[in-house]
Amino acid sequence: MTSSTSIDPQYVTDNPHVLGGLTWDNVAWAFQTTQAGFWHPITWLSHMLDMEIFGKGPAGSHMMNVIFHVANTVILFCFFAK
């Protein structure tokens, strides 16, 4: 995927609110914006938290995605195992 078709700049790498991390102004923005055509404040807050914890590199965000997906898989497995 080329950078021209990637959504990363809009969501993370070129987004000053996300890059600024968790501040009161950025949290307020997350609940008020429809940037990217959607209202999804939890997504914005999650990206901001990743910036606070891991910085600008992609490794931390990708690791959190893997952890979330594994956790969801385990929860679903436990749900169907009963």
PDB file of N, CA and C in Angstrom:
ATOM      1  N   MET A   1       0.849  -1.173   0.000  1.00  0.00           N
ATOM      2  CA  MET A   1       0.000   0.000   0.000  1.00  0.00           C
ATOM      3  C   MET A   1       0.893   1.234   0.000  1.00  0.00           C
ATOM      4  N   THR A   2       0.605   2.154  -0.859  1.00  0.00           N
ATOM      5  CA  THR A   2       1.402   3.369  -0.919  1.00  0.00           C
ATOM      6  C   THR A   2       0.871   4.377   0.090  1.00  0.00           C
ATOM      7  N   SER A   3       1.691   5.359   0.406  1.00  0.00           N
ATOM      8  CA  SER A   3       1.284   6.358   1.388  1.00  0.00           C
ATOM      9  C   SER A   3       0.102   7.191   0.898  1.00  0.00           C
ATOM     10  N   SER A   4      -0.081   7.295  -0.415  1.00  0.00           N
ATOM     11  CA  SER A   4      -1.199   8.091  -0.925  1.00  0.00           C
ATOM     12  C   SER A   4      -2.539   7.407  -0.671  1.00  0.00           C
ATOM     13  N   THR A   5      -2.552   6.099  -0.479  1.00  0.00           N
ATOM     14  CA  THR A   5      -3.807   5.405  -0.191  1.00  0.00           C
ATOM     15  C   THR A   5      -3.906   5.012   1.274  1.00  0.00           C
ATOM     16  N   SER A   6      -2.916   5.322   2.050  1.00  0.00           N
ATOM     17  CA  SER A   6      -2.905   4.958   3.458  1.00  0.00           C
ATOM     18  C   SER A   6      -3.720   5.953   4.271  1.00  0.00           C
ATOM     19  N   ILE A   7      -4.375   5.449   5.300  1.00  0.00           N
ATOM     20  CA  ILE A   7      -5.106   6.334   6.204  1.00  0.00           C
ATOM     21  C   ILE A   7      -4.255   6.746   7.399  1.00  0.00           C
ATOM     22  N   ASP A   8      -3.058   6.185   7.506  1.00  0.00           N
ATOM     23  CA  ASP A   8      -2.192   6.510   8.636  1.00  0.00           C
ATOM     24  C   ASP A   8      -1.944   8.014   8.798  1.00  0.00           C
ATOM     25  N   PRO A   9      -1.647   8.750   7.736  1.00  0.00           N
ATOM     26  CA  PRO A   9      -1.409  10.186   7.936  1.00  0.00           C
ATOM     27  C   PRO A   9      -2.609  10.903   8.568  1.00  0.00           C
ATOM     28  N   GLN A  10      -3.787  10.584   8.114  1.00  0.00           N
ATOM     29  CA  GLN A  10      -4.981  11.250   8.624  1.00  0.00           C
ATOM     30  C   GLN A  10      -5.256  10.863  10.080  1.00  0.00           C
ATOM     31  N   TYR A  11      -5.015   9.614  10.407  1.00  0.00           N
ATOM     32  CA  TYR A  11      -5.311   9.140  11.749  1.00  0.00           C
ATOM     33  C   TYR A  11      -4.166   9.347  12.730  1.00  0.00           C
ATOM     34  N   VAL A  12      -2.920   9.244  12.270  1.00  0.00           N
ATOM     35  CA  VAL A  12      -1.809   9.244  13.221  1.00  0.00           C
ATOM     36  C   VAL A  12      -0.677  10.177  12.799  1.00  0.00           C
ATOM     37  N   THR A  13       0.033   9.833  11.753  1.00  0.00           N
ATOM     38  CA  THR A  13       1.324  10.467  11.484  1.00  0.00           C
ATOM     39  C   THR A  13       1.269  11.947  11.144  1.00  0.00           C
ATOM     40  N   ASP A  14       0.169  12.436  10.594  1.00  0.00           N
ATOM     41  CA  ASP A  14       0.017  13.863  10.285  1.00  0.00           C
ATOM     42  C   ASP A  14      -1.081  14.523  11.106  1.00  0.00           C
ATOM     43  N   ASN A  15      -1.511  13.874  12.169  1.00  0.00           N
ATOM     44  CA  ASN A  15      -2.601  14.408  12.978  1.00  0.00           C
ATOM     45  C   ASN A  15      -2.015  15.052  14.235  1.00  0.00           C
ATOM     46  N   PRO A  16      -2.032  16.387  14.315  1.00  0.00           N
ATOM     47  CA  PRO A  16      -1.408  17.056  15.461  1.00  0.00           C
ATOM     48  C   PRO A  16      -2.076  16.732  16.794  1.00  0.00           C
ATOM     49  N   HIS A  17      -3.366  16.434  16.772  1.00  0.00           N
ATOM     50  CA  HIS A  17      -4.062  16.095  18.016  1.00  0.00           C
ATOM     51  C   HIS A  17      -3.586  14.754  18.554  1.00  0.00           C
ATOM     52  N   VAL A  18      -3.476  13.783  17.681  1.00  0.00           N
ATOM     53  CA  VAL A  18      -3.007  12.458  18.093  1.00  0.00           C
ATOM     54  C   VAL A  18      -1.544  12.534  18.512  1.00  0.00           C
ATOM     55  N   LEU A  19      -0.734  13.213  17.727  1.00  0.00           N
ATOM     56  CA  LEU A  19       0.692  13.327  18.036  1.00  0.00           C
ATOM     57  C   LEU A  19       0.930  14.077  19.345  1.00  0.00           C
ATOM     58  N   GLY A  20      -0.026  14.938  19.724  1.00  0.00           N
ATOM     59  CA  GLY A  20       0.098  15.695  20.964  1.00  0.00           C
ATOM     60  C   GLY A  20      -0.177  14.869  22.202  1.00  0.00           C
ATOM     61  N   GLY A  21      -0.690  13.661  22.032  1.00  0.00           N
ATOM     62  CA  GLY A  21      -0.959  12.789  23.166  1.00  0.00           C
ATOM     63  C   GLY A  21      -2.229  13.184  23.917  1.00  0.00           C
ATOM     64  N   LEU A  22      -2.360  12.639  25.096  1.00  0.00           N
ATOM     65  CA  LEU A  22      -3.555  12.868  25.907  1.00  0.00           C
ATOM     66  C   LEU A  22      -3.450  14.180  26.679  1.00  0.00           C
ATOM     67  N   THR A  23      -4.088  15.195  26.146  1.00  0.00           N
ATOM     68  CA  THR A  23      -4.237  16.471  26.847  1.00  0.00           C
ATOM     69  C   THR A  23      -5.724  16.765  26.907  1.00  0.00           C
ATOM     70  N   TRP A  24      -6.116  17.677  27.782  1.00  0.00           N
ATOM     71  CA  TRP A  24      -7.547  18.001  27.873  1.00  0.00           C
ATOM     72  C   TRP A  24      -8.074  18.528  26.539  1.00  0.00           C
ATOM     73  N   ASP A  25      -7.305  19.358  25.871  1.00  0.00           N
ATOM     74  CA  ASP A  25      -7.737  19.897  24.573  1.00  0.00           C
ATOM     75  C   ASP A  25      -7.904  18.787  23.535  1.00  0.00           C
ATOM     76  N   ASN A  26      -6.973  17.841  23.504  1.00  0.00           N
ATOM     77  CA  ASN A  26      -7.054  16.751  22.537  1.00  0.00           C
ATOM     78  C   ASN A  26      -8.197  15.792  22.855  1.00  0.00           C
ATOM     79  N   VAL A  27      -8.448  15.550  24.133  1.00  0.00           N
ATOM     80  CA  VAL A  27      -9.582  14.698  24.516  1.00  0.00           C
ATOM     81  C   VAL A  27     -10.892  15.369  24.110  1.00  0.00           C
ATOM     82  N   ALA A  28     -11.007  16.670  24.351  1.00  0.00           N
ATOM     83  CA  ALA A  28     -12.208  17.401  23.929  1.00  0.00           C
ATOM     84  C   ALA A  28     -12.369  17.322  22.417  1.00  0.00           C
ATOM     85  N   TRP A  29     -11.266  17.483  21.686  1.00  0.00           N
ATOM     86  CA  TRP A  29     -11.311  17.379  20.227  1.00  0.00           C
ATOM     87  C   TRP A  29     -11.817  16.004  19.803  1.00  0.00           C
ATOM     88  N   ALA A  30     -11.336  14.955  20.467  1.00  0.00           N
ATOM     89  CA  ALA A  30     -11.718  13.585  20.104  1.00  0.00           C
ATOM     90  C   ALA A  30     -13.231  13.385  20.190  1.00  0.00           C
ATOM     91  N   PHE A  31     -13.882  14.036  21.151  1.00  0.00           N
ATOM     92  CA  PHE A  31     -15.320  13.869  21.309  1.00  0.00           C
ATOM     93  C   PHE A  31     -16.136  14.808  20.430  1.00  0.00           C
ATOM     94  N   GLN A  32     -15.474  15.771  19.801  1.00  0.00           N
ATOM     95  CA  GLN A  32     -16.190  16.742  18.979  1.00  0.00           C
ATOM     96  C   GLN A  32     -15.981  16.578  17.483  1.00  0.00           C
ATOM     97  N   THR A  33     -14.946  15.880  17.079  1.00  0.00           N
ATOM     98  CA  THR A  33     -14.581  15.846  15.663  1.00  0.00           C
ATOM     99  C   THR A  33     -15.277  14.713  14.902  1.00  0.00           C
ATOM    100  N   THR A  34     -15.452  14.959  13.631  1.00  0.00           N
ATOM    101  CA  THR A  34     -15.857  13.895  12.704  1.00  0.00           C
ATOM    102  C   THR A  34     -14.800  13.771  11.606  1.00  0.00           C
ATOM    103  N   GLN A  35     -13.551  14.089  11.975  1.00  0.00           N
ATOM    104  CA  GLN A  35     -12.445  13.944  11.025  1.00  0.00           C
ATOM    105  C   GLN A  35     -12.399  12.509  10.536  1.00  0.00           C
ATOM    106  N   ALA A  36     -12.052  12.323   9.311  1.00  0.00           N
ATOM    107  CA  ALA A  36     -12.017  11.018   8.641  1.00  0.00           C
ATOM    108  C   ALA A  36     -13.428  10.523   8.358  1.00  0.00           C
ATOM    109  N   GLY A  37     -14.425  11.388   8.515  1.00  0.00           N
ATOM    110  CA  GLY A  37     -15.786  11.044   8.143  1.00  0.00           C
ATOM    111  C   GLY A  37     -16.570  10.258   9.187  1.00  0.00           C
ATOM    112  N   PHE A  38     -16.002  10.090  10.374  1.00  0.00           N
ATOM    113  CA  PHE A  38     -16.680   9.302  11.403  1.00  0.00           C
ATOM    114  C   PHE A  38     -16.566  10.000  12.752  1.00  0.00           C
ATOM    115  N   TRP A  39     -17.482   9.687  13.648  1.00  0.00           N
ATOM    116  CA  TRP A  39     -17.371  10.108  15.045  1.00  0.00           C
ATOM    117  C   TRP A  39     -16.959   8.878  15.827  1.00  0.00           C
ATOM    118  N   HIS A  40     -15.700   8.798  16.207  1.00  0.00           N
ATOM    119  CA  HIS A  40     -15.212   7.643  16.965  1.00  0.00           C
ATOM    120  C   HIS A  40     -14.155   8.095  17.972  1.00  0.00           C
ATOM    121  N   PRO A  41     -14.614   8.694  19.065  1.00  0.00           N
ATOM    122  CA  PRO A  41     -13.668   9.243  20.042  1.00  0.00           C
ATOM    123  C   PRO A  41     -12.773   8.190  20.696  1.00  0.00           C
ATOM    124  N   ILE A  42     -13.253   6.975  20.878  1.00  0.00           N
ATOM    125  CA  ILE A  42     -12.429   5.946  21.513  1.00  0.00           C
ATOM    126  C   ILE A  42     -11.221   5.607  20.633  1.00  0.00           C
ATOM    127  N   THR A  43     -11.422   5.601  19.333  1.00  0.00           N
ATOM    128  CA  THR A  43     -10.300   5.368  18.414  1.00  0.00           C
ATOM    129  C   THR A  43      -9.252   6.455  18.572  1.00  0.00           C
ATOM    130  N   TRP A  44      -9.696   7.716  18.587  1.00  0.00           N
ATOM    131  CA  TRP A  44      -8.757   8.818  18.742  1.00  0.00           C
ATOM    132  C   TRP A  44      -8.033   8.725  20.084  1.00  0.00           C
ATOM    133  N   LEU A  45      -8.775   8.437  21.146  1.00  0.00           N
ATOM    134  CA  LEU A  45      -8.156   8.340  22.473  1.00  0.00           C
ATOM    135  C   LEU A  45      -7.149   7.197  22.528  1.00  0.00           C
ATOM    136  N   SER A  46      -7.463   6.103  21.867  1.00  0.00           N
ATOM    137  CA  SER A  46      -6.556   4.968  21.824  1.00  0.00           C
ATOM    138  C   SER A  46      -5.251   5.339  21.113  1.00  0.00           C
ATOM    139  N   HIS A  47      -5.362   6.037  19.999  1.00  0.00           N
ATOM    140  CA  HIS A  47      -4.164   6.479  19.277  1.00  0.00           C
ATOM    141  C   HIS A  47      -3.352   7.470  20.134  1.00  0.00           C
ATOM    142  N   MET A  48      -4.047   8.363  20.828  1.00  0.00           N
ATOM    143  CA  MET A  48      -3.355   9.326  21.692  1.00  0.00           C
ATOM    144  C   MET A  48      -2.633   8.614  22.828  1.00  0.00           C
ATOM    145  N   LEU A  49      -3.279   7.613  23.412  1.00  0.00           N
ATOM    146  CA  LEU A  49      -2.652   6.847  24.488  1.00  0.00           C
ATOM    147  C   LEU A  49      -1.413   6.111  23.971  1.00  0.00           C
ATOM    148  N   ASP A  50      -1.516   5.545  22.779  1.00  0.00           N
ATOM    149  CA  ASP A  50      -0.347   4.895  22.172  1.00  0.00           C
ATOM    150  C   ASP A  50       0.809   5.882  22.031  1.00  0.00           C
ATOM    151  N   MET A  51       0.513   7.112  21.623  1.00  0.00           N
ATOM    152  CA  MET A  51       1.556   8.134  21.492  1.00  0.00           C
ATOM    153  C   MET A  51       2.182   8.450  22.841  1.00  0.00           C
ATOM    154  N   GLU A  52       1.334   8.530  23.879  1.00  0.00           N
ATOM    155  CA  GLU A  52       1.846   8.819  25.223  1.00  0.00           C
ATOM    156  C   GLU A  52       2.776   7.717  25.708  1.00  0.00           C
ATOM    157  N   ILE A  53       2.386   6.479  25.478  1.00  0.00           N
ATOM    158  CA  ILE A  53       3.134   5.342  26.018  1.00  0.00           C
ATOM    159  C   ILE A  53       4.341   4.989  25.153  1.00  0.00           C
ATOM    160  N   PHE A  54       4.136   4.895  23.841  1.00  0.00           N
ATOM    161  CA  PHE A  54       5.161   4.341  22.949  1.00  0.00           C
ATOM    162  C   PHE A  54       5.870   5.359  22.070  1.00  0.00           C
ATOM    163  N   GLY A  55       5.365   6.560  21.974  1.00  0.00           N
ATOM    164  CA  GLY A  55       5.961   7.554  21.091  1.00  0.00           C
ATOM    165  C   GLY A  55       5.474   7.374  19.654  1.00  0.00           C
ATOM    166  N   LYS A  56       6.173   7.997  18.722  1.00  0.00           N
ATOM    167  CA  LYS A  56       5.721   8.064  17.323  1.00  0.00           C
ATOM    168  C   LYS A  56       5.986   6.810  16.506  1.00  0.00           C
ATOM    169  N   GLY A  57       6.826   5.924  16.961  1.00  0.00           N
ATOM    170  CA  GLY A  57       7.144   4.727  16.179  1.00  0.00           C
ATOM    171  C   GLY A  57       5.956   3.783  16.085  1.00  0.00           C
ATOM    172  N   PRO A  58       5.911   2.970  15.048  1.00  0.00           N
ATOM    173  CA  PRO A  58       4.775   2.080  14.834  1.00  0.00           C
ATOM    174  C   PRO A  58       4.777   0.816  15.700  1.00  0.00           C
ATOM    175  N   ALA A  59       5.909   0.445  16.266  1.00  0.00           N
ATOM    176  CA  ALA A  59       6.005  -0.841  16.970  1.00  0.00           C
ATOM    177  C   ALA A  59       5.023  -0.952  18.129  1.00  0.00           C
ATOM    178  N   GLY A  60       4.916   0.075  18.940  1.00  0.00           N
ATOM    179  CA  GLY A  60       4.018   0.027  20.091  1.00  0.00           C
ATOM    180  C   GLY A  60       2.561  -0.098  19.702  1.00  0.00           C
ATOM    181  N   SER A  61       2.147   0.676  18.712  1.00  0.00           N
ATOM    182  CA  SER A  61       0.757   0.609  18.251  1.00  0.00           C
ATOM    183  C   SER A  61       0.426  -0.766  17.677  1.00  0.00           C
ATOM    184  N   HIS A  62       1.359  -1.315  16.929  1.00  0.00           N
ATOM    185  CA  HIS A  62       1.136  -2.641  16.350  1.00  0.00           C
ATOM    186  C   HIS A  62       1.086  -3.713  17.441  1.00  0.00           C
ATOM    187  N   MET A  63       1.940  -3.579  18.445  1.00  0.00           N
ATOM    188  CA  MET A  63       1.924  -4.533  19.548  1.00  0.00           C
ATOM    189  C   MET A  63       0.580  -4.474  20.288  1.00  0.00           C
ATOM    190  N   MET A  64       0.064  -3.263  20.511  1.00  0.00           N
ATOM    191  CA  MET A  64      -1.235  -3.131  21.187  1.00  0.00           C
ATOM    192  C   MET A  64      -2.347  -3.753  20.346  1.00  0.00           C
ATOM    193  N   ASN A  65      -2.289  -3.589  19.030  1.00  0.00           N
ATOM    194  CA  ASN A  65      -3.288  -4.212  18.165  1.00  0.00           C
ATOM    195  C   ASN A  65      -3.259  -5.731  18.288  1.00  0.00           C
ATOM    196  N   VAL A  66      -2.071  -6.291  18.320  1.00  0.00           N
ATOM    197  CA  VAL A  66      -1.948  -7.746  18.476  1.00  0.00           C
ATOM    198  C   VAL A  66      -2.521  -8.177  19.820  1.00  0.00           C
ATOM    199  N   ILE A  67      -2.196  -7.446  20.878  1.00  0.00           N
ATOM    200  CA  ILE A  67      -2.719  -7.787  22.210  1.00  0.00           C
ATOM    201  C   ILE A  67      -4.245  -7.721  22.226  1.00  0.00           C
ATOM    202  N   PHE A  68      -4.825  -6.672  21.660  1.00  0.00           N
ATOM    203  CA  PHE A  68      -6.288  -6.549  21.610  1.00  0.00           C
ATOM    204  C   PHE A  68      -6.923  -7.697  20.825  1.00  0.00           C
ATOM    205  N   HIS A  69      -6.331  -8.051  19.691  1.00  0.00           N
ATOM    206  CA  HIS A  69      -6.898  -9.127  18.879  1.00  0.00           C
ATOM    207  C   HIS A  69      -6.777 -10.480  19.573  1.00  0.00           C
ATOM    208  N   VAL A  70      -5.668 -10.728  20.226  1.00  0.00           N
ATOM    209  CA  VAL A  70      -5.514 -11.981  20.965  1.00  0.00           C
ATOM    210  C   VAL A  70      -6.515 -12.033  22.123  1.00  0.00           C
ATOM    211  N   ALA A  71      -6.652 -10.932  22.843  1.00  0.00           N
ATOM    212  CA  ALA A  71      -7.604 -10.889  23.956  1.00  0.00           C
ATOM    213  C   ALA A  71      -9.028 -11.138  23.461  1.00  0.00           C
ATOM    214  N   ASN A  72      -9.415 -10.519  22.360  1.00  0.00           N
ATOM    215  CA  ASN A  72     -10.752 -10.736  21.808  1.00  0.00           C
ATOM    216  C   ASN A  72     -10.949 -12.178  21.366  1.00  0.00           C
ATOM    217  N   THR A  73      -9.918 -12.780  20.803  1.00  0.00           N
ATOM    218  CA  THR A  73     -10.002 -14.178  20.387  1.00  0.00           C
ATOM    219  C   THR A  73     -10.200 -15.083  21.597  1.00  0.00           C
ATOM    220  N   VAL A  74      -9.461 -14.823  22.663  1.00  0.00           N
ATOM    221  CA  VAL A  74      -9.601 -15.626  23.888  1.00  0.00           C
ATOM    222  C   VAL A  74     -10.991 -15.454  24.490  1.00  0.00           C
ATOM    223  N   ILE A  75     -11.488 -14.242  24.530  1.00  0.00           N
ATOM    224  CA  ILE A  75     -12.836 -13.999  25.067  1.00  0.00           C
ATOM    225  C   ILE A  75     -13.873 -14.725  24.237  1.00  0.00           C
ATOM    226  N   LEU A  76     -13.771 -14.639  22.924  1.00  0.00           N
ATOM    227  CA  LEU A  76     -14.718 -15.334  22.060  1.00  0.00           C
ATOM    228  C   LEU A  76     -14.630 -16.839  22.234  1.00  0.00           C
ATOM    229  N   PHE A  77     -13.413 -17.362  22.326  1.00  0.00           N
ATOM    230  CA  PHE A  77     -13.234 -18.793  22.548  1.00  0.00           C
ATOM    231  C   PHE A  77     -13.882 -19.219  23.860  1.00  0.00           C
ATOM    232  N   CYS A  78     -13.671 -18.453  24.927  1.00  0.00           N
ATOM    233  CA  CYS A  78     -14.286 -18.781  26.224  1.00  0.00           C
ATOM    234  C   CYS A  78     -15.805 -18.721  26.158  1.00  0.00           C
ATOM    235  N   PHE A  79     -16.318 -17.779  25.413  1.00  0.00           N
ATOM    236  CA  PHE A  79     -17.777 -17.633  25.258  1.00  0.00           C
ATOM    237  C   PHE A  79     -18.368 -18.872  24.588  1.00  0.00           C
ATOM    238  N   PHE A  80     -17.732 -19.354  23.518  1.00  0.00           N
ATOM    239  CA  PHE A  80     -18.251 -20.509  22.792  1.00  0.00           C
ATOM    240  C   PHE A  80     -17.891 -21.835  23.453  1.00  0.00           C
ATOM    241  N   ALA A  81     -16.919 -21.854  24.333  1.00  0.00           N
ATOM    242  CA  ALA A  81     -16.513 -23.085  24.994  1.00  0.00           C
ATOM    243  C   ALA A  81     -17.487 -23.524  26.088  1.00  0.00           C
ATOM    244  N   LYS A  82     -18.323 -22.620  26.533  1.00  0.00           N
ATOM    245  CA  LYS A  82     -19.258 -22.949  27.626  1.00  0.00           C
ATOM    246  C   LYS A  82     -20.458 -23.711  27.136  1.00  0.00           C
TER     247      LYS A  82
END
